[in-house]
């Protein structure tokens, strides 16, 4: 008869336990060392000439600082340092990651981003694409500002005093901006978004697709064109508001006090406004609706179809 071969002597248990613990600790140390090696970050100070604009793509996360002179500092994983492409071209700081300089393993293992701290006396141009991001707490004065955002890029904390603003945004890009401008012209398409806090002589907005805008403004005049599923929510005051909507566009402006209002709507567009002195409808068709707050003088009403009426108090 065979006997039970399981050892009954417990004297060896402590040594077995120590051996297991040592192996576990060794494994943990190996993992930590591997992660440390992978996540090792280097700092790179880039010598650049003067620039007044920024163009960045892909993985860059930019902190922008107003300063007396231009400077650039990059923080990135060591393994991609040689793939950085940082230069000044046409007066713009260009930030790129040249993945052709990375081997297959480096491209596969790279999961992080590249941080950049950029110092600049004046910001006149900004172009962001891919997943690039920019943030700032500085106020920039006196210059015109032109911005283009696409992809999933974003810009936050933008603040200006003086000059003109021109911005085009597409895809899932978004920004927030505040300040005082002579005049402002904005275009948003796709699923782009904007948060505005502006004082301006004139404001022109062209919004399409699923664009979404929240704004608090004080302007002499505002012109808005909307289509698709665009949506604008507005507060503040203006001397004159001219707005048109088509498709499923929606303007929610009962918080925007406007002296003179001219509206047009088609499709299933909806426009809700606050008119103080004068209100006209240049065209209204389809299932479009216009609702107004206030006691304005009603001027021209060109209504083929649709619905026009006063909001209940």
C-alpha atoms as a PDB file:
ATOM      1  CA  UNK A   1       0.000   0.000   0.000  1.00  0.00           C
ATOM      2  CA  UNK A   2       1.319   3.430  -0.951  1.00  0.00           C
ATOM      3  CA  UNK A   3       1.534   6.005   1.770  1.00  0.00           C
ATOM      4  CA  UNK A   4       0.559   9.665   1.506  1.00  0.00           C
ATOM      5  CA  UNK A   5       3.583  11.385  -0.037  1.00  0.00           C
ATOM      6  CA  UNK A   6       2.547  14.887   1.056  1.00  0.00           C
ATOM      7  CA  UNK A   7       5.255  16.044   3.517  1.00  0.00           C
ATOM      8  CA  UNK A   8       4.077  16.190   7.080  1.00  0.00           C
ATOM      9  CA  UNK A   9       7.186  17.912   8.354  1.00  0.00           C
ATOM     10  CA  UNK A  10       6.344  21.607   8.749  1.00  0.00           C
ATOM     11  CA  UNK A  11       9.884  22.652   9.582  1.00  0.00           C
ATOM     12  CA  UNK A  12      10.554  23.566   5.939  1.00  0.00           C
ATOM     13  CA  UNK A  13       7.543  25.902   5.642  1.00  0.00           C
ATOM     14  CA  UNK A  14       9.363  29.120   6.757  1.00  0.00           C
ATOM     15  CA  UNK A  15      12.090  28.668   4.163  1.00  0.00           C
ATOM     16  CA  UNK A  16       9.520  27.996   1.446  1.00  0.00           C
ATOM     17  CA  UNK A  17       7.594  31.108   2.473  1.00  0.00           C
ATOM     18  CA  UNK A  18      10.756  33.234   2.412  1.00  0.00           C
ATOM     19  CA  UNK A  19      11.585  31.949  -1.052  1.00  0.00           C
ATOM     20  CA  UNK A  20       8.124  32.834  -2.358  1.00  0.00           C
ATOM     21  CA  UNK A  21       8.286  36.303  -0.803  1.00  0.00           C
ATOM     22  CA  UNK A  22      11.706  36.967  -2.331  1.00  0.00           C
ATOM     23  CA  UNK A  23      10.418  36.003  -5.770  1.00  0.00           C
ATOM     24  CA  UNK A  24       7.410  38.279  -5.366  1.00  0.00           C
ATOM     25  CA  UNK A  25       9.563  41.208  -4.256  1.00  0.00           C
ATOM     26  CA  UNK A  26      11.937  40.625  -7.142  1.00  0.00           C
ATOM     27  CA  UNK A  27       9.024  40.642  -9.594  1.00  0.00           C
ATOM     28  CA  UNK A  28       7.662  43.892  -8.147  1.00  0.00           C
ATOM     29  CA  UNK A  29      11.090  45.537  -8.361  1.00  0.00           C
ATOM     30  CA  UNK A  30      11.402  44.470 -11.986  1.00  0.00           C
ATOM     31  CA  UNK A  31       8.034  46.028 -12.821  1.00  0.00           C
ATOM     32  CA  UNK A  32       8.898  49.261 -10.983  1.00  0.00           C
ATOM     33  CA  UNK A  33      12.247  49.501 -12.733  1.00  0.00           C
ATOM     34  CA  UNK A  34      10.609  48.902 -16.107  1.00  0.00           C
ATOM     35  CA  UNK A  35       7.980  51.573 -15.490  1.00  0.00           C
ATOM     36  CA  UNK A  36      10.616  54.018 -14.270  1.00  0.00           C
ATOM     37  CA  UNK A  37      12.722  53.439 -17.342  1.00  0.00           C
ATOM     38  CA  UNK A  38       9.706  53.860 -19.620  1.00  0.00           C
ATOM     39  CA  UNK A  39       8.412  56.961 -17.858  1.00  0.00           C
ATOM     40  CA  UNK A  40      11.767  58.722 -17.514  1.00  0.00           C
ATOM     41  CA  UNK A  41      11.235  62.351 -18.450  1.00  0.00           C
ATOM     42  CA  UNK A  42      13.789  64.762 -19.829  1.00  0.00           C
ATOM     43  CA  UNK A  43      13.763  68.549 -19.944  1.00  0.00           C
ATOM     44  CA  UNK A  44      14.831  70.247 -23.136  1.00  0.00           C
ATOM     45  CA  UNK A  45      15.383  73.992 -23.412  1.00  0.00           C
ATOM     46  CA  UNK A  46      15.130  74.965 -27.047  1.00  0.00           C
ATOM     47  CA  UNK A  47      16.971  77.982 -28.414  1.00  0.00           C
ATOM     48  CA  UNK A  48      14.602  79.841 -30.721  1.00  0.00           C
ATOM     49  CA  UNK A  49      14.363  83.209 -32.404  1.00  0.00           C
ATOM     50  CA  UNK A  50      11.469  85.578 -31.806  1.00  0.00           C
ATOM     51  CA  UNK A  51       7.945  84.455 -32.711  1.00  0.00           C
ATOM     52  CA  UNK A  52       4.399  85.796 -32.319  1.00  0.00           C
ATOM     53  CA  UNK A  53       2.405  82.692 -33.218  1.00  0.00           C
ATOM     54  CA  UNK A  54       2.160  79.015 -32.292  1.00  0.00           C
ATOM     55  CA  UNK A  55       1.394  75.980 -34.452  1.00  0.00           C
ATOM     56  CA  UNK A  56       1.140  72.615 -32.684  1.00  0.00           C
ATOM     57  CA  UNK A  57      -0.202  69.184 -33.482  1.00  0.00           C
ATOM     58  CA  UNK A  58      -0.775  65.781 -32.000  1.00  0.00           C
ATOM     59  CA  UNK A  59       0.365  65.209 -28.419  1.00  0.00           C
ATOM     60  CA  UNK A  60       1.542  68.646 -27.276  1.00  0.00           C
ATOM     61  CA  UNK A  61       0.151  70.075 -24.042  1.00  0.00           C
ATOM     62  CA  UNK A  62       1.175  73.742 -23.974  1.00  0.00           C
ATOM     63  CA  UNK A  63       1.267  76.152 -21.072  1.00  0.00           C
ATOM     64  CA  UNK A  64       1.476  79.700 -22.408  1.00  0.00           C
ATOM     65  CA  UNK A  65       3.045  82.517 -20.402  1.00  0.00           C
ATOM     66  CA  UNK A  66       3.277  86.178 -21.326  1.00  0.00           C
ATOM     67  CA  UNK A  67       6.875  87.364 -20.907  1.00  0.00           C
ATOM     68  CA  UNK A  68       9.310  89.970 -22.218  1.00  0.00           C
ATOM     69  CA  UNK A  69      11.067  87.520 -24.525  1.00  0.00           C
ATOM     70  CA  UNK A  70      10.379  84.243 -26.269  1.00  0.00           C
ATOM     71  CA  UNK A  71      11.423  80.966 -24.676  1.00  0.00           C
ATOM     72  CA  UNK A  72      10.533  77.287 -25.047  1.00  0.00           C
ATOM     73  CA  UNK A  73      10.966  74.453 -22.574  1.00  0.00           C
ATOM     74  CA  UNK A  74       9.945  70.888 -23.446  1.00  0.00           C
ATOM     75  CA  UNK A  75       9.246  67.994 -21.068  1.00  0.00           C
ATOM     76  CA  UNK A  76       8.994  64.590 -22.723  1.00  0.00           C
ATOM     77  CA  UNK A  77       9.784  60.881 -22.328  1.00  0.00           C
ATOM     78  CA  UNK A  78      13.460  60.254 -23.048  1.00  0.00           C
ATOM     79  CA  UNK A  79      12.760  57.692 -25.754  1.00  0.00           C
ATOM     80  CA  UNK A  80      11.045  60.243 -28.023  1.00  0.00           C
ATOM     81  CA  UNK A  81      13.417  63.166 -27.476  1.00  0.00           C
ATOM     82  CA  UNK A  82      15.049  62.728 -30.876  1.00  0.00           C
ATOM     83  CA  UNK A  83      11.647  62.740 -32.586  1.00  0.00           C
ATOM     84  CA  UNK A  84      10.797  66.266 -31.436  1.00  0.00           C
ATOM     85  CA  UNK A  85      10.667  68.843 -34.206  1.00  0.00           C
ATOM     86  CA  UNK A  86      10.705  72.331 -32.666  1.00  0.00           C
ATOM     87  CA  UNK A  87      11.501  75.344 -34.816  1.00  0.00           C
ATOM     88  CA  UNK A  88      10.414  78.845 -35.808  1.00  0.00           C
ATOM     89  CA  UNK A  89       8.955  79.216 -39.288  1.00  0.00           C
ATOM     90  CA  UNK A  90       7.229  82.273 -40.725  1.00  0.00           C
ATOM     91  CA  UNK A  91       7.134  83.945 -37.325  1.00  0.00           C
ATOM     92  CA  UNK A  92       5.410  80.940 -35.707  1.00  0.00           C
ATOM     93  CA  UNK A  93       6.750  78.468 -33.188  1.00  0.00           C
ATOM     94  CA  UNK A  94       6.150  75.056 -34.769  1.00  0.00           C
ATOM     95  CA  UNK A  95       5.784  72.037 -32.474  1.00  0.00           C
ATOM     96  CA  UNK A  96       5.745  68.621 -34.152  1.00  0.00           C
ATOM     97  CA  UNK A  97       6.476  65.018 -33.270  1.00  0.00           C
ATOM     98  CA  UNK A  98       8.187  63.261 -36.180  1.00  0.00           C
ATOM     99  CA  UNK A  99       7.154  59.638 -35.654  1.00  0.00           C
ATOM    100  CA  UNK A 100       9.305  58.561 -38.628  1.00  0.00           C
ATOM    101  CA  UNK A 101      12.282  58.941 -36.301  1.00  0.00           C
ATOM    102  CA  UNK A 102      10.846  56.353 -33.906  1.00  0.00           C
ATOM    103  CA  UNK A 103      11.151  52.625 -34.398  1.00  0.00           C
ATOM    104  CA  UNK A 104       8.112  50.383 -34.274  1.00  0.00           C
ATOM    105  CA  UNK A 105       8.565  49.510 -30.608  1.00  0.00           C
ATOM    106  CA  UNK A 106       8.941  53.163 -29.572  1.00  0.00           C
ATOM    107  CA  UNK A 107       5.801  54.134 -31.469  1.00  0.00           C
ATOM    108  CA  UNK A 108       3.878  51.256 -29.929  1.00  0.00           C
ATOM    109  CA  UNK A 109       5.027  51.972 -26.370  1.00  0.00           C
ATOM    110  CA  UNK A 110       4.530  55.738 -26.486  1.00  0.00           C
ATOM    111  CA  UNK A 111       1.296  56.500 -24.652  1.00  0.00           C
ATOM    112  CA  UNK A 112       2.035  59.820 -22.987  1.00  0.00           C
ATOM    113  CA  UNK A 113       2.129  63.413 -24.089  1.00  0.00           C
ATOM    114  CA  UNK A 114       4.708  66.124 -24.527  1.00  0.00           C
ATOM    115  CA  UNK A 115       4.498  69.152 -22.258  1.00  0.00           C
ATOM    116  CA  UNK A 116       5.726  72.535 -23.420  1.00  0.00           C
ATOM    117  CA  UNK A 117       6.058  75.794 -21.502  1.00  0.00           C
ATOM    118  CA  UNK A 118       6.098  78.650 -23.996  1.00  0.00           C
ATOM    119  CA  UNK A 119       6.909  82.261 -23.130  1.00  0.00           C
ATOM    120  CA  UNK A 120       5.897  84.980 -25.577  1.00  0.00           C
ATOM    121  CA  UNK A 121       5.485  88.793 -25.469  1.00  0.00           C
ATOM    122  CA  UNK A 122       2.436  88.901 -27.789  1.00  0.00           C
ATOM    123  CA  UNK A 123       0.203  86.194 -29.251  1.00  0.00           C
ATOM    124  CA  UNK A 124      -1.090  86.944 -32.747  1.00  0.00           C
ATOM    125  CA  UNK A 125      -1.709  83.480 -34.225  1.00  0.00           C
ATOM    126  CA  UNK A 126      -2.640  80.050 -32.910  1.00  0.00           C
ATOM    127  CA  UNK A 127      -3.085  76.828 -34.897  1.00  0.00           C
ATOM    128  CA  UNK A 128      -3.836  73.576 -33.066  1.00  0.00           C
ATOM    129  CA  UNK A 129      -4.721  70.174 -34.503  1.00  0.00           C
ATOM    130  CA  UNK A 130      -4.994  66.561 -33.401  1.00  0.00           C
ATOM    131  CA  UNK A 131      -5.117  66.323 -29.618  1.00  0.00           C
ATOM    132  CA  UNK A 132      -2.973  69.408 -28.982  1.00  0.00           C
ATOM    133  CA  UNK A 133      -3.978  71.543 -26.003  1.00  0.00           C
ATOM    134  CA  UNK A 134      -3.090  75.040 -24.850  1.00  0.00           C
ATOM    135  CA  UNK A 135      -3.848  76.769 -21.565  1.00  0.00           C
ATOM    136  CA  UNK A 136      -2.913  80.171 -20.201  1.00  0.00           C
ATOM    137  CA  UNK A 137      -3.693  82.612 -17.408  1.00  0.00           C
ATOM    138  CA  UNK A 138      -1.990  85.577 -19.093  1.00  0.00           C
ATOM    139  CA  UNK A 139      -3.656  88.618 -20.661  1.00  0.00           C
ATOM    140  CA  UNK A 140      -2.416  89.683 -24.108  1.00  0.00           C
ATOM    141  CA  UNK A 141      -2.843  93.280 -25.252  1.00  0.00           C
ATOM    142  CA  UNK A 142      -3.000  95.394 -28.339  1.00  0.00           C
ATOM    143  CA  UNK A 143      -2.696  92.913 -31.213  1.00  0.00           C
ATOM    144  CA  UNK A 144      -5.051  91.194 -33.636  1.00  0.00           C
ATOM    145  CA  UNK A 145      -5.527  87.491 -32.986  1.00  0.00           C
ATOM    146  CA  UNK A 146      -6.192  84.752 -35.563  1.00  0.00           C
ATOM    147  CA  UNK A 147      -6.959  81.199 -34.425  1.00  0.00           C
ATOM    148  CA  UNK A 148      -7.649  77.879 -36.133  1.00  0.00           C
ATOM    149  CA  UNK A 149      -8.519  74.714 -34.205  1.00  0.00           C
ATOM    150  CA  UNK A 150      -9.334  71.259 -35.563  1.00  0.00           C
ATOM    151  CA  UNK A 151      -9.544  67.636 -34.475  1.00  0.00           C
ATOM    152  CA  UNK A 152      -9.814  67.252 -30.707  1.00  0.00           C
ATOM    153  CA  UNK A 153      -7.626  70.260 -29.924  1.00  0.00           C
ATOM    154  CA  UNK A 154      -8.509  72.849 -27.289  1.00  0.00           C
ATOM    155  CA  UNK A 155      -7.468  76.270 -26.002  1.00  0.00           C
ATOM    156  CA  UNK A 156      -8.477  77.543 -22.563  1.00  0.00           C
ATOM    157  CA  UNK A 157      -7.922  80.743 -20.604  1.00  0.00           C
ATOM    158  CA  UNK A 158      -7.429  82.992 -23.645  1.00  0.00           C
ATOM    159  CA  UNK A 159      -7.744  86.653 -22.666  1.00  0.00           C
ATOM    160  CA  UNK A 160      -7.152  89.686 -24.882  1.00  0.00           C
ATOM    161  CA  UNK A 161      -7.481  93.446 -24.785  1.00  0.00           C
ATOM    162  CA  UNK A 162      -7.665  95.384 -28.050  1.00  0.00           C
ATOM    163  CA  UNK A 163      -7.375  94.395 -31.692  1.00  0.00           C
ATOM    164  CA  UNK A 164      -9.548  92.085 -33.753  1.00  0.00           C
ATOM    165  CA  UNK A 165     -10.412  88.411 -33.334  1.00  0.00           C
ATOM    166  CA  UNK A 166     -10.764  85.869 -36.145  1.00  0.00           C
ATOM    167  CA  UNK A 167     -11.312  82.184 -35.327  1.00  0.00           C
ATOM    168  CA  UNK A 168     -12.250  79.038 -37.255  1.00  0.00           C
ATOM    169  CA  UNK A 169     -13.005  75.801 -35.390  1.00  0.00           C
ATOM    170  CA  UNK A 170     -13.964  72.361 -36.687  1.00  0.00           C
ATOM    171  CA  UNK A 171     -14.259  68.727 -35.613  1.00  0.00           C
ATOM    172  CA  UNK A 172     -14.434  68.275 -31.860  1.00  0.00           C
ATOM    173  CA  UNK A 173     -12.189  71.250 -31.108  1.00  0.00           C
ATOM    174  CA  UNK A 174     -13.139  73.830 -28.496  1.00  0.00           C
ATOM    175  CA  UNK A 175     -11.997  76.996 -26.775  1.00  0.00           C
ATOM    176  CA  UNK A 176     -12.907  79.623 -24.242  1.00  0.00           C
ATOM    177  CA  UNK A 177     -11.935  83.241 -24.650  1.00  0.00           C
ATOM    178  CA  UNK A 178     -12.662  86.572 -23.037  1.00  0.00           C
ATOM    179  CA  UNK A 179     -11.610  90.140 -23.595  1.00  0.00           C
ATOM    180  CA  UNK A 180     -12.271  93.393 -25.422  1.00  0.00           C
ATOM    181  CA  UNK A 181     -12.017  93.587 -29.215  1.00  0.00           C
ATOM    182  CA  UNK A 182     -12.765  96.078 -31.961  1.00  0.00           C
ATOM    183  CA  UNK A 183     -14.605  93.398 -33.926  1.00  0.00           C
ATOM    184  CA  UNK A 184     -14.962  89.616 -33.842  1.00  0.00           C
ATOM    185  CA  UNK A 185     -15.637  87.034 -36.567  1.00  0.00           C
ATOM    186  CA  UNK A 186     -16.104  83.370 -35.609  1.00  0.00           C
ATOM    187  CA  UNK A 187     -16.785  80.221 -37.611  1.00  0.00           C
ATOM    188  CA  UNK A 188     -17.650  76.900 -35.969  1.00  0.00           C
ATOM    189  CA  UNK A 189     -18.549  73.608 -37.632  1.00  0.00           C
ATOM    190  CA  UNK A 190     -18.839  69.912 -36.830  1.00  0.00           C
ATOM    191  CA  UNK A 191     -19.014  69.287 -33.101  1.00  0.00           C
ATOM    192  CA  UNK A 192     -16.856  72.255 -32.179  1.00  0.00           C
ATOM    193  CA  UNK A 193     -17.657  74.428 -29.189  1.00  0.00           C
ATOM    194  CA  UNK A 194     -16.864  77.858 -27.798  1.00  0.00           C
ATOM    195  CA  UNK A 195     -17.367  79.733 -24.563  1.00  0.00           C
ATOM    196  CA  UNK A 196     -17.263  83.507 -25.051  1.00  0.00           C
ATOM    197  CA  UNK A 197     -17.089  86.437 -22.648  1.00  0.00           C
ATOM    198  CA  UNK A 198     -16.584  89.425 -24.914  1.00  0.00           C
ATOM    199  CA  UNK A 199     -16.966  93.149 -25.316  1.00  0.00           C
ATOM    200  CA  UNK A 200     -16.785  94.171 -28.979  1.00  0.00           C
ATOM    201  CA  UNK A 201     -17.890  96.726 -31.515  1.00  0.00           C
ATOM    202  CA  UNK A 202     -19.277  94.011 -33.776  1.00  0.00           C
ATOM    203  CA  UNK A 203     -19.654  90.252 -33.498  1.00  0.00           C
ATOM    204  CA  UNK A 204     -20.275  87.913 -36.430  1.00  0.00           C
ATOM    205  CA  UNK A 205     -20.889  84.185 -35.928  1.00  0.00           C
ATOM    206  CA  UNK A 206     -21.330  81.428 -38.506  1.00  0.00           C
ATOM    207  CA  UNK A 207     -22.241  78.127 -36.811  1.00  0.00           C
ATOM    208  CA  UNK A 208     -23.074  74.838 -38.529  1.00  0.00           C
ATOM    209  CA  UNK A 209     -23.277  71.105 -37.877  1.00  0.00           C
ATOM    210  CA  UNK A 210     -23.358  70.344 -34.169  1.00  0.00           C
ATOM    211  CA  UNK A 211     -21.498  73.486 -33.118  1.00  0.00           C
ATOM    212  CA  UNK A 212     -22.309  74.754 -29.634  1.00  0.00           C
ATOM    213  CA  UNK A 213     -21.676  78.274 -28.334  1.00  0.00           C
ATOM    214  CA  UNK A 214     -22.285  79.777 -24.915  1.00  0.00           C
ATOM    215  CA  UNK A 215     -21.691  83.511 -24.776  1.00  0.00           C
ATOM    216  CA  UNK A 216     -21.943  86.520 -22.501  1.00  0.00           C
ATOM    217  CA  UNK A 217     -21.388  89.632 -24.619  1.00  0.00           C
ATOM    218  CA  UNK A 218     -21.700  93.387 -24.829  1.00  0.00           C
ATOM    219  CA  UNK A 219     -21.658  94.500 -28.463  1.00  0.00           C
ATOM    220  CA  UNK A 220     -22.875  97.318 -30.654  1.00  0.00           C
ATOM    221  CA  UNK A 221     -24.132  94.821 -33.230  1.00  0.00           C
ATOM    222  CA  UNK A 222     -24.343  91.039 -33.614  1.00  0.00           C
ATOM    223  CA  UNK A 223     -24.893  89.020 -36.798  1.00  0.00           C
ATOM    224  CA  UNK A 224     -25.560  85.277 -36.471  1.00  0.00           C
ATOM    225  CA  UNK A 225     -25.971  82.619 -39.150  1.00  0.00           C
ATOM    226  CA  UNK A 226     -26.870  79.082 -38.012  1.00  0.00           C
ATOM    227  CA  UNK A 227     -27.550  75.792 -39.771  1.00  0.00           C
ATOM    228  CA  UNK A 228     -27.718  72.060 -39.095  1.00  0.00           C
ATOM    229  CA  UNK A 229     -27.908  71.268 -35.393  1.00  0.00           C
ATOM    230  CA  UNK A 230     -25.961  74.318 -34.252  1.00  0.00           C
ATOM    231  CA  UNK A 231     -26.943  75.810 -30.909  1.00  0.00           C
ATOM    232  CA  UNK A 232     -26.169  79.221 -29.410  1.00  0.00           C
ATOM    233  CA  UNK A 233     -27.046  80.421 -25.921  1.00  0.00           C
ATOM    234  CA  UNK A 234     -26.540  84.159 -25.447  1.00  0.00           C
ATOM    235  CA  UNK A 235     -26.625  86.628 -22.558  1.00  0.00           C
ATOM    236  CA  UNK A 236     -25.714  90.298 -22.325  1.00  0.00           C
ATOM    237  CA  UNK A 237     -26.742  93.279 -24.428  1.00  0.00           C
ATOM    238  CA  UNK A 238     -26.460  94.625 -27.954  1.00  0.00           C
ATOM    239  CA  UNK A 239     -27.709  97.545 -29.989  1.00  0.00           C
ATOM    240  CA  UNK A 240     -28.742  95.385 -32.940  1.00  0.00           C
ATOM    241  CA  UNK A 241     -29.202  91.648 -33.443  1.00  0.00           C
ATOM    242  CA  UNK A 242     -29.625  90.019 -36.840  1.00  0.00           C
ATOM    243  CA  UNK A 243     -29.996  86.235 -36.767  1.00  0.00           C
ATOM    244  CA  UNK A 244     -31.031  83.509 -39.186  1.00  0.00           C
ATOM    245  CA  UNK A 245     -31.393  79.783 -38.627  1.00  0.00           C
ATOM    246  CA  UNK A 246     -32.059  76.740 -40.798  1.00  0.00           C
ATOM    247  CA  UNK A 247     -32.271  72.989 -40.318  1.00  0.00           C
ATOM    248  CA  UNK A 248     -32.500  72.168 -36.622  1.00  0.00           C
ATOM    249  CA  UNK A 249     -30.504  75.182 -35.437  1.00  0.00           C
ATOM    250  CA  UNK A 250     -31.523  76.835 -32.180  1.00  0.00           C
ATOM    251  CA  UNK A 251     -30.842  80.307 -30.790  1.00  0.00           C
ATOM    252  CA  UNK A 252     -31.620  80.837 -27.108  1.00  0.00           C
ATOM    253  CA  UNK A 253     -31.202  84.595 -26.613  1.00  0.00           C
ATOM    254  CA  UNK A 254     -33.932  85.653 -24.177  1.00  0.00           C
ATOM    255  CA  UNK A 255     -31.077  86.689 -21.885  1.00  0.00           C
ATOM    256  CA  UNK A 256     -29.576  88.962 -24.567  1.00  0.00           C
ATOM    257  CA  UNK A 257     -31.130  92.428 -24.378  1.00  0.00           C
ATOM    258  CA  UNK A 258     -31.299  93.747 -27.949  1.00  0.00           C
ATOM    259  CA  UNK A 259     -32.737  97.088 -29.039  1.00  0.00           C
ATOM    260  CA  UNK A 260     -33.368  96.203 -32.679  1.00  0.00           C
ATOM    261  CA  UNK A 261     -33.902  92.593 -33.815  1.00  0.00           C
ATOM    262  CA  UNK A 262     -34.228  91.109 -37.316  1.00  0.00           C
ATOM    263  CA  UNK A 263     -34.815  87.367 -37.668  1.00  0.00           C
ATOM    264  CA  UNK A 264     -35.154  84.700 -40.339  1.00  0.00           C
ATOM    265  CA  UNK A 265     -35.891  80.997 -39.990  1.00  0.00           C
ATOM    266  CA  UNK A 266     -36.500  77.888 -42.082  1.00  0.00           C
ATOM    267  CA  UNK A 267     -36.664  74.133 -41.625  1.00  0.00           C
ATOM    268  CA  UNK A 268     -37.124  73.288 -37.950  1.00  0.00           C
ATOM    269  CA  UNK A 269     -35.043  76.184 -36.646  1.00  0.00           C
ATOM    270  CA  UNK A 270     -36.015  77.836 -33.379  1.00  0.00           C
ATOM    271  CA  UNK A 271     -35.178  81.414 -32.365  1.00  0.00           C
ATOM    272  CA  UNK A 272     -36.004  82.911 -28.966  1.00  0.00           C
ATOM    273  CA  UNK A 273     -35.008  86.535 -28.393  1.00  0.00           C
ATOM    274  CA  UNK A 274     -35.424  89.620 -26.202  1.00  0.00           C
ATOM    275  CA  UNK A 275     -36.417  92.623 -28.313  1.00  0.00           C
ATOM    276  CA  UNK A 276     -36.672  96.036 -26.655  1.00  0.00           C
ATOM    277  CA  UNK A 277     -37.486  98.568 -29.395  1.00  0.00           C
ATOM    278  CA  UNK A 278     -38.000  96.972 -32.814  1.00  0.00           C
ATOM    279  CA  UNK A 279     -38.603  93.427 -34.100  1.00  0.00           C
ATOM    280  CA  UNK A 280     -38.836  92.286 -37.726  1.00  0.00           C
ATOM    281  CA  UNK A 281     -39.005  88.871 -39.382  1.00  0.00           C
ATOM    282  CA  UNK A 282     -37.515  88.941 -42.880  1.00  0.00           C
ATOM    283  CA  UNK A 283     -38.576  85.339 -43.634  1.00  0.00           C
ATOM    284  CA  UNK A 284     -40.137  82.445 -41.761  1.00  0.00           C
ATOM    285  CA  UNK A 285     -40.957  79.105 -43.393  1.00  0.00           C
ATOM    286  CA  UNK A 286     -41.246  75.367 -42.813  1.00  0.00           C
ATOM    287  CA  UNK A 287     -41.606  74.400 -39.162  1.00  0.00           C
ATOM    288  CA  UNK A 288     -39.406  77.242 -37.940  1.00  0.00           C
ATOM    289  CA  UNK A 289     -40.475  79.150 -34.826  1.00  0.00           C
ATOM    290  CA  UNK A 290     -39.803  82.630 -33.489  1.00  0.00           C
ATOM    291  CA  UNK A 291     -40.600  83.590 -29.923  1.00  0.00           C
ATOM    292  CA  UNK A 292     -39.830  86.956 -28.410  1.00  0.00           C
ATOM    293  CA  UNK A 293     -39.691  88.626 -25.018  1.00  0.00           C
ATOM    294  CA  UNK A 294     -40.393  92.333 -24.467  1.00  0.00           C
ATOM    295  CA  UNK A 295     -42.749  94.896 -25.989  1.00  0.00           C
ATOM    296  CA  UNK A 296     -41.077  96.000 -29.213  1.00  0.00           C
ATOM    297  CA  UNK A 297     -42.643  97.693 -32.188  1.00  0.00           C
ATOM    298  CA  UNK A 298     -43.388  94.954 -34.713  1.00  0.00           C
ATOM    299  CA  UNK A 299     -42.101  95.829 -38.162  1.00  0.00           C
ATOM    300  CA  UNK A 300     -41.898  93.639 -41.270  1.00  0.00           C
ATOM    301  CA  UNK A 301     -43.343  90.137 -40.950  1.00  0.00           C
ATOM    302  CA  UNK A 302     -42.641  87.876 -43.939  1.00  0.00           C
ATOM    303  CA  UNK A 303     -44.174  84.620 -42.735  1.00  0.00           C
ATOM    304  CA  UNK A 304     -44.939  81.840 -45.240  1.00  0.00           C
ATOM    305  CA  UNK A 305     -45.247  79.107 -42.667  1.00  0.00           C
ATOM    306  CA  UNK A 306     -43.830  78.491 -39.243  1.00  0.00           C
ATOM    307  CA  UNK A 307     -44.860  80.027 -35.955  1.00  0.00           C
ATOM    308  CA  UNK A 308     -44.416  83.536 -34.567  1.00  0.00           C
ATOM    309  CA  UNK A 309     -45.462  84.751 -31.144  1.00  0.00           C
ATOM    310  CA  UNK A 310     -44.695  86.365 -27.827  1.00  0.00           C
ATOM    311  CA  UNK A 311     -43.333  84.398 -24.900  1.00  0.00           C
ATOM    312  CA  UNK A 312     -45.542  84.104 -21.869  1.00  0.00           C
ATOM    313  CA  UNK A 313     -44.399  86.335 -18.987  1.00  0.00           C
END
